[in-house]
Amino acid sequence: MWTTLRVAASGMQAHQRALDVAGNNLANLQTPSFKVERAAVVDLPPARAIHEARGGALEGRPLGQGVQVAASLPNQAQGAVLPTGHPLDVAIEGEGFLRVALANGQEAYTRVGALRLDREGRLATSSGAVLQPTIAIPGGASHVRVESDGSVVAQAGSQDERVVGRLELARFPNPDGLQAIGGSLLLATEASGAAQIGAPGSPGFGSLVGGSLEGSNADMAQEVARVLQAQRAYSVSARALKTVDEMMQEANNLRR
């Protein structure tokens, strides 16, 4: 009886987590470069065996222990490229991540190309993380733009346009293994493998689209369907828990 309670409770916990993940995907439909996640619900290994009489002999079979969410798996599929008209916005079309330096000196990675100039005139993300390698825009420069090969072109005063730096991209053997730390930033892990650095447009790396941002790869219809699926699964587990509780109450009443 206690095992049945545990199985039902584990189902409620797992499907609540699945519901949270699907709800978060829905909440980020308009977030640039957002990558949807999927809650991977798996069976827990049997803890012990129970014995039943079969053919005059006792035979053992595994006793289930319920389910759990093993991980939230990201989907790194490309989102739509959406024009913004902002000259410093850049979308990555294909494989790769922008490299940025965190305040603690650690290198992180992102696909959100909403770039701005920080107080020192360096290209940085909207959260203030400075792009790597560092690209400084000359004071008074105008008509700054990013080419598809990563070249950052600027014009200062009456001078001709010139390249003031080049963006680089990083790619990984297993991008799904990157660790999300919030703010659309990712860290390399053993699961992701070491970063491989290259120029945009070179073999194996995506190209850049200036004046645009990559949209979220979340699909509203799919996420609504997953929300409904998680809600129904949660409801089934809740009914099972209620049924077991009622059975235990009846058993207690029989003893009186």
Foldseek 3Di string as FASTA:
>chain_A
DVLLLQQLVQLLVALVVQLVQLVVLVVQQFPFQAWGWGFAKDWDFFPDWDWDQDPNDTDTDGDTRHIHGPDTWTDNDFFDKFFQQDQQAKAWDAFFWWWFADPVRDIKTARGRCWDQPPQQWIDHPVRTGTPPTFHDDPQWDPWHAFFQQFTWTHHDPDDIDTRDGTKTWGFPAVRPWDDDDPRITHDDVVRHDIDIDTDPPPPGTTMDGNITGGYPRDVVVSVVSNVVSVVSSVVSVVSSVVVVVVVVVVVVVVD
